[in-house]
Amino acid sequence: MEKEAKKEAFRKYLESSGVLDALTKVLVALYEENDKPSSALEFVQQKLGGPSLSEYEKLQAEKADLQLKYDELLAAHKETCAMLDVLKNSKVAATCKEEVDGDNVKDEL
């Protein structure tokens, strides 16, 4: 009995959220197609707003390209940060050396 109640609750959820209506419209459109598509699944995906297989593959390739660019930029950023740290440390060391040298000059005077 509990199983039936869960099924009914789920059906009501799908109906109230518009899923059943959207699926019904897509399936009716597929049924009414004179020239049935070679891939019913791709037809349904397209009608529901998803990308076609070729669009999906294009998006995957674009994602891979963007990931490579991101990785390159991240590596360049890390390298730049490391160089900045080296420059900061060398400036601090030079400043300390100047202060020490300045104190030595004052001591000599």
C-alpha atoms as a PDB file:
ATOM      1  CA  MET A   1       0.000   0.000   0.000  1.00  0.00           C
ATOM      2  CA  GLU A   2       2.819   2.396   0.891  1.00  0.00           C
ATOM      3  CA  LYS A   3       4.388   1.772  -2.514  1.00  0.00           C
ATOM      4  CA  GLU A   4       1.164   2.801  -4.266  1.00  0.00           C
ATOM      5  CA  ALA A   5       0.970   5.968  -2.160  1.00  0.00           C
ATOM      6  CA  LYS A   6       4.550   6.866  -3.140  1.00  0.00           C
ATOM      7  CA  LYS A   7       3.754   6.299  -6.810  1.00  0.00           C
ATOM      8  CA  GLU A   8       0.672   8.476  -6.584  1.00  0.00           C
ATOM      9  CA  ALA A   9       2.542  11.235  -4.753  1.00  0.00           C
ATOM     10  CA  PHE A  10       5.261  11.145  -7.402  1.00  0.00           C
ATOM     11  CA  ARG A  11       2.702  11.257 -10.227  1.00  0.00           C
ATOM     12  CA  LYS A  12       1.043  14.291  -8.612  1.00  0.00           C
ATOM     13  CA  TYR A  13       4.443  15.932  -8.262  1.00  0.00           C
ATOM     14  CA  LEU A  14       5.217  15.386 -11.968  1.00  0.00           C
ATOM     15  CA  GLU A  15       1.797  16.674 -12.931  1.00  0.00           C
ATOM     16  CA  SER A  16       1.937  19.779 -10.741  1.00  0.00           C
ATOM     17  CA  SER A  17       5.425  20.681 -11.936  1.00  0.00           C
ATOM     18  CA  GLY A  18       4.411  20.443 -15.609  1.00  0.00           C
ATOM     19  CA  VAL A  19       6.607  17.480 -16.466  1.00  0.00           C
ATOM     20  CA  LEU A  20       3.755  15.244 -17.603  1.00  0.00           C
ATOM     21  CA  ASP A  21       2.344  17.982 -19.830  1.00  0.00           C
ATOM     22  CA  ALA A  22       5.745  18.702 -21.411  1.00  0.00           C
ATOM     23  CA  LEU A  23       6.460  15.008 -22.046  1.00  0.00           C
ATOM     24  CA  THR A  24       2.981  14.481 -23.484  1.00  0.00           C
ATOM     25  CA  LYS A  25       3.423  17.380 -25.904  1.00  0.00           C
ATOM     26  CA  VAL A  26       6.816  16.083 -27.046  1.00  0.00           C
ATOM     27  CA  LEU A  27       5.546  12.542 -27.513  1.00  0.00           C
ATOM     28  CA  VAL A  28       2.510  13.807 -29.450  1.00  0.00           C
ATOM     29  CA  ALA A  29       4.834  15.851 -31.671  1.00  0.00           C
ATOM     30  CA  LEU A  30       6.952  12.748 -32.293  1.00  0.00           C
ATOM     31  CA  TYR A  31       3.844  10.709 -33.076  1.00  0.00           C
ATOM     32  CA  GLU A  32       2.637  13.346 -35.543  1.00  0.00           C
ATOM     33  CA  GLU A  33       5.975  13.522 -37.375  1.00  0.00           C
ATOM     34  CA  ASN A  34       5.511  12.228 -40.921  1.00  0.00           C
ATOM     35  CA  ASP A  35       9.202  11.477 -41.293  1.00  0.00           C
ATOM     36  CA  LYS A  36      10.195   9.826 -38.058  1.00  0.00           C
ATOM     37  CA  PRO A  37      13.645  10.912 -36.863  1.00  0.00           C
ATOM     38  CA  SER A  38      16.376   8.298 -36.780  1.00  0.00           C
ATOM     39  CA  SER A  39      16.874   8.972 -33.070  1.00  0.00           C
ATOM     40  CA  ALA A  40      13.693   9.388 -31.056  1.00  0.00           C
ATOM     41  CA  LEU A  41      15.752  10.173 -27.986  1.00  0.00           C
ATOM     42  CA  GLU A  42      17.568  13.031 -29.735  1.00  0.00           C
ATOM     43  CA  PHE A  43      14.195  14.338 -30.972  1.00  0.00           C
ATOM     44  CA  VAL A  44      12.832  14.366 -27.407  1.00  0.00           C
ATOM     45  CA  GLN A  45      15.976  16.009 -26.062  1.00  0.00           C
ATOM     46  CA  GLN A  46      15.818  18.719 -28.711  1.00  0.00           C
ATOM     47  CA  LYS A  47      12.134  19.403 -28.098  1.00  0.00           C
ATOM     48  CA  LEU A  48      12.755  19.690 -24.372  1.00  0.00           C
ATOM     49  CA  GLY A  49      15.483  22.246 -24.980  1.00  0.00           C
ATOM     50  CA  GLY A  50      18.597  20.120 -24.766  1.00  0.00           C
ATOM     51  CA  PRO A  51      21.433  20.340 -27.283  1.00  0.00           C
ATOM     52  CA  SER A  52      21.597  18.024 -30.257  1.00  0.00           C
ATOM     53  CA  LEU A  53      24.361  15.439 -30.384  1.00  0.00           C
ATOM     54  CA  SER A  54      26.474  17.625 -32.684  1.00  0.00           C
ATOM     55  CA  GLU A  55      25.892  20.679 -30.464  1.00  0.00           C
ATOM     56  CA  TYR A  56      26.819  18.606 -27.416  1.00  0.00           C
ATOM     57  CA  GLU A  57      30.062  17.444 -29.028  1.00  0.00           C
ATOM     58  CA  LYS A  58      30.861  21.027 -30.034  1.00  0.00           C
ATOM     59  CA  LEU A  59      30.240  22.194 -26.456  1.00  0.00           C
ATOM     60  CA  GLN A  60      32.467  19.404 -25.111  1.00  0.00           C
ATOM     61  CA  ALA A  61      35.284  20.455 -27.456  1.00  0.00           C
ATOM     62  CA  GLU A  62      34.844  24.096 -26.449  1.00  0.00           C
ATOM     63  CA  LYS A  63      34.924  23.103 -22.784  1.00  0.00           C
ATOM     64  CA  ALA A  64      38.164  21.182 -23.332  1.00  0.00           C
ATOM     65  CA  ASP A  65      39.736  24.196 -25.096  1.00  0.00           C
ATOM     66  CA  LEU A  66      38.651  26.510 -22.299  1.00  0.00           C
ATOM     67  CA  GLN A  67      40.042  24.109 -19.689  1.00  0.00           C
ATOM     68  CA  LEU A  68      43.433  24.166 -21.452  1.00  0.00           C
ATOM     69  CA  LYS A  69      43.418  27.970 -21.564  1.00  0.00           C
ATOM     70  CA  TYR A  70      42.439  28.099 -17.906  1.00  0.00           C
ATOM     71  CA  ASP A  71      45.251  25.727 -16.946  1.00  0.00           C
ATOM     72  CA  GLU A  72      47.759  27.816 -18.937  1.00  0.00           C
ATOM     73  CA  LEU A  73      46.557  31.056 -17.341  1.00  0.00           C
ATOM     74  CA  LEU A  74      46.634  29.515 -13.875  1.00  0.00           C
ATOM     75  CA  ALA A  75      50.210  28.332 -14.395  1.00  0.00           C
ATOM     76  CA  ALA A  76      51.219  31.784 -15.662  1.00  0.00           C
ATOM     77  CA  HIS A  77      49.519  33.391 -12.665  1.00  0.00           C
ATOM     78  CA  LYS A  78      51.335  31.113 -10.219  1.00  0.00           C
ATOM     79  CA  GLU A  79      54.637  31.857 -11.949  1.00  0.00           C
ATOM     80  CA  THR A  80      53.967  35.606 -11.777  1.00  0.00           C
ATOM     81  CA  CYS A  81      53.075  35.357  -8.089  1.00  0.00           C
ATOM     82  CA  ALA A  82      56.293  33.470  -7.411  1.00  0.00           C
ATOM     83  CA  MET A  83      58.320  36.121  -9.264  1.00  0.00           C
ATOM     84  CA  LEU A  84      56.548  38.840  -7.286  1.00  0.00           C
ATOM     85  CA  ASP A  85      57.431  37.097  -4.028  1.00  0.00           C
ATOM     86  CA  VAL A  86      61.079  36.878  -5.121  1.00  0.00           C
ATOM     87  CA  LEU A  87      61.086  40.581  -5.987  1.00  0.00           C
ATOM     88  CA  LYS A  88      59.449  41.504  -2.677  1.00  0.00           C
ATOM     89  CA  ASN A  89      61.954  39.402  -0.760  1.00  0.00           C
ATOM     90  CA  SER A  90      64.913  40.864  -2.648  1.00  0.00           C
ATOM     91  CA  LYS A  91      63.623  44.408  -2.035  1.00  0.00           C
ATOM     92  CA  VAL A  92      63.207  43.657   1.672  1.00  0.00           C
ATOM     93  CA  ALA A  93      66.715  42.215   1.774  1.00  0.00           C
ATOM     94  CA  ALA A  94      68.095  45.261  -0.060  1.00  0.00           C
ATOM     95  CA  THR A  95      66.252  47.615   2.289  1.00  0.00           C
ATOM     96  CA  CYS A  96      67.612  45.762   5.316  1.00  0.00           C
ATOM     97  CA  LYS A  97      71.108  45.868   3.851  1.00  0.00           C
ATOM     98  CA  GLU A  98      70.800  49.622   3.245  1.00  0.00           C
ATOM     99  CA  GLU A  99      69.663  50.124   6.827  1.00  0.00           C
ATOM    100  CA  VAL A 100      72.549  48.056   8.161  1.00  0.00           C
ATOM    101  CA  ASP A 101      75.041  49.837   5.893  1.00  0.00           C
ATOM    102  CA  GLY A 102      73.566  53.187   6.920  1.00  0.00           C
ATOM    103  CA  ASP A 103      73.990  52.318  10.590  1.00  0.00           C
ATOM    104  CA  ASN A 104      77.607  51.352   9.936  1.00  0.00           C
ATOM    105  CA  VAL A 105      78.251  54.708   8.263  1.00  0.00           C
ATOM    106  CA  LYS A 106      76.676  56.544  11.220  1.00  0.00           C
ATOM    107  CA  ASP A 107      78.794  54.513  13.639  1.00  0.00           C
ATOM    108  CA  GLU A 108      81.927  55.502  11.757  1.00  0.00           C
ATOM    109  CA  LEU A 109      81.020  59.191  11.953  1.00  0.00           C
END
